[in-house]
Amino acid sequence: MSALTVSPAYTALLTSVPPRVIRTEEQNEFFIAALYELEKRHKRWNKAEAEMADLLTLLIEDYEEKNYQLPKASGLEAIAFLMDQHGLKQKDMVDVFGTKSIVSEVMNGKRELNKAQIQRLSERFRVSPELFF
């Protein structure tokens, strides 16, 4: 096993912002601020700064994946959200569902989505079909 060589510039960055597993919101904010400072100099990064930015990004992503998970939405909630974001009403969804009555039944939870409808929703909103399962 060979030893890793660490440049003096990288050692200096590690000293100024000692990396560690983020466990609190305050630590997360500190590392976000440090990354932001690096980002402001992005076009002038040296190798040590690029390495530090990668490390901080990994630490922040790890913390946020564990602590900021969004709740899973139902297929119906996803449709309602997408319709709202696109300014659509139920009548605008007839091309996806076939008839006004089917749109109404789906939106009121009286009818489950079928594979063809999921495919058309996915294509219309340009999202993964997985969103509607």
Protein backbone atom coordinates (compact mmCIF):
# COMPACT_ATOMS: atom_id res chain seq x y z
CA MET A 1 0.00 0.00 0.00
CA SER A 2 1.43 3.36 -0.99
CA ALA A 3 1.04 6.52 1.02
CA LEU A 4 -1.11 9.30 -0.35
CA THR A 5 0.70 12.52 -1.02
CA VAL A 6 -1.12 15.67 -0.04
CA SER A 7 -0.07 19.02 -1.44
CA PRO A 8 0.69 21.87 0.94
CA ALA A 9 -2.15 23.87 -0.63
CA TYR A 10 -4.65 21.09 0.11
CA THR A 11 -3.29 20.72 3.65
CA ALA A 12 -3.83 24.45 4.18
CA LEU A 13 -7.45 24.15 3.00
CA LEU A 14 -8.02 21.16 5.28
CA THR A 15 -6.69 23.18 8.17
CA SER A 16 -8.93 26.15 7.45
CA VAL A 17 -12.04 24.02 6.91
CA PRO A 18 -11.48 20.68 8.66
CA PRO A 19 -13.82 18.19 6.99
CA ARG A 20 -15.97 15.92 9.13
CA VAL A 21 -19.23 14.06 8.92
CA ILE A 22 -21.97 16.67 9.21
CA ARG A 23 -24.29 15.99 12.14
CA THR A 24 -26.05 19.30 12.76
CA GLU A 25 -27.72 22.02 10.75
CA GLU A 26 -25.12 24.51 11.97
CA GLN A 27 -22.29 22.33 10.64
CA ASN A 28 -24.15 21.96 7.35
CA GLU A 29 -24.51 25.73 7.04
CA PHE A 30 -20.79 26.15 7.81
CA PHE A 31 -19.79 23.74 5.03
CA ILE A 32 -22.26 25.29 2.59
CA ALA A 33 -20.71 28.71 3.28
CA ALA A 34 -17.21 27.28 2.76
CA LEU A 35 -18.28 25.70 -0.52
CA TYR A 36 -19.93 28.95 -1.59
CA GLU A 37 -16.65 30.79 -0.98
CA LEU A 38 -14.87 28.27 -3.20
CA GLU A 39 -17.60 28.55 -5.84
CA LYS A 40 -17.05 32.31 -6.08
CA ARG A 41 -13.51 31.55 -7.32
CA HIS A 42 -14.51 28.61 -9.54
CA LYS A 43 -12.84 29.87 -12.71
CA ARG A 44 -9.55 30.25 -10.85
CA TRP A 45 -9.53 26.96 -8.90
CA ASN A 46 -6.30 25.19 -8.39
CA LYS A 47 -6.21 21.41 -7.93
CA ALA A 48 -6.44 21.67 -4.13
CA GLU A 49 -9.54 23.86 -4.29
CA ALA A 50 -11.20 21.51 -6.75
CA GLU A 51 -10.50 18.57 -4.41
CA MET A 52 -11.87 20.50 -1.44
CA ALA A 53 -15.01 21.46 -3.37
CA ASP A 54 -15.60 17.79 -4.24
CA LEU A 55 -15.15 16.75 -0.61
CA LEU A 56 -17.48 19.46 0.74
CA THR A 57 -20.09 18.59 -1.87
CA LEU A 58 -20.04 14.93 -0.80
CA LEU A 59 -20.35 15.83 2.88
CA ILE A 60 -23.24 18.24 2.25
CA GLU A 61 -25.07 15.81 -0.05
CA ASP A 62 -24.74 13.03 2.51
CA TYR A 63 -26.19 15.17 5.30
CA GLU A 64 -29.02 16.52 3.17
CA GLU A 65 -30.02 13.12 1.78
CA LYS A 66 -30.37 11.85 5.35
CA ASN A 67 -32.13 14.91 6.75
CA TYR A 68 -34.15 16.53 3.96
CA GLN A 69 -35.97 13.65 2.39
CA LEU A 70 -39.19 14.67 0.73
CA PRO A 71 -42.24 12.59 1.55
CA LYS A 72 -43.34 10.24 -1.19
CA ALA A 73 -46.34 11.64 -3.03
CA SER A 74 -49.09 9.46 -4.40
CA GLY A 75 -49.65 9.31 -8.15
CA LEU A 76 -52.77 11.43 -7.73
CA GLU A 77 -50.87 14.04 -5.70
CA ALA A 78 -48.20 14.13 -8.40
CA ILE A 79 -50.81 14.69 -11.12
CA ALA A 80 -52.51 17.45 -9.12
CA PHE A 81 -49.15 19.15 -8.51
CA LEU A 82 -48.12 18.95 -12.17
CA MET A 83 -51.50 20.23 -13.32
CA ASP A 84 -51.23 23.16 -10.91
CA GLN A 85 -47.68 23.97 -12.04
CA HIS A 86 -48.79 23.94 -15.69
CA GLY A 87 -52.01 25.86 -15.07
CA LEU A 88 -54.19 22.95 -16.21
CA LYS A 89 -57.74 22.03 -15.28
CA GLN A 90 -59.38 18.61 -15.43
CA LYS A 91 -60.83 19.38 -18.86
CA ASP A 92 -57.26 19.83 -20.14
CA MET A 93 -56.45 16.22 -19.27
CA VAL A 94 -58.98 14.53 -21.56
CA ASP A 95 -56.25 13.79 -24.10
CA VAL A 96 -54.44 11.73 -21.45
CA PHE A 97 -57.42 9.91 -19.97
CA GLY A 98 -59.86 9.70 -22.90
CA THR A 99 -63.02 11.21 -21.43
CA LYS A 100 -64.04 13.85 -18.92
CA SER A 101 -65.65 11.21 -16.73
CA ILE A 102 -62.44 9.16 -16.52
CA VAL A 103 -60.47 12.30 -15.66
CA SER A 104 -62.97 13.01 -12.88
CA GLU A 105 -62.86 9.44 -11.56
CA VAL A 106 -59.05 9.41 -11.48
CA MET A 107 -58.79 12.83 -9.86
CA ASN A 108 -61.37 11.85 -7.22
CA GLY A 109 -59.54 8.61 -6.41
CA LYS A 110 -62.33 6.39 -7.74
CA ARG A 111 -60.20 4.91 -10.53
CA GLU A 112 -56.60 3.71 -10.56
CA LEU A 113 -54.16 4.79 -13.24
CA ASN A 114 -53.44 2.21 -15.92
CA LYS A 115 -50.15 1.71 -17.78
CA ALA A 116 -51.25 3.63 -20.88
CA GLN A 117 -52.36 6.63 -18.82
CA ILE A 118 -49.10 6.60 -16.87
CA GLN A 119 -47.16 6.54 -20.13
CA ARG A 120 -49.16 9.47 -21.54
CA LEU A 121 -48.74 11.45 -18.28
CA SER A 122 -45.02 10.77 -18.35
CA GLU A 123 -44.73 12.00 -21.93
CA ARG A 124 -46.95 15.03 -21.40
CA PHE A 125 -45.12 16.30 -18.35
CA ARG A 126 -41.69 14.92 -19.34
CA VAL A 127 -41.21 13.08 -16.06
CA SER A 128 -40.37 9.51 -15.16
CA PRO A 129 -43.34 7.11 -15.16
CA GLU A 130 -42.12 6.07 -11.71
CA LEU A 131 -43.56 9.32 -10.35
CA PHE A 132 -47.10 7.96 -10.77
CA PHE A 133 -46.64 4.63 -8.98
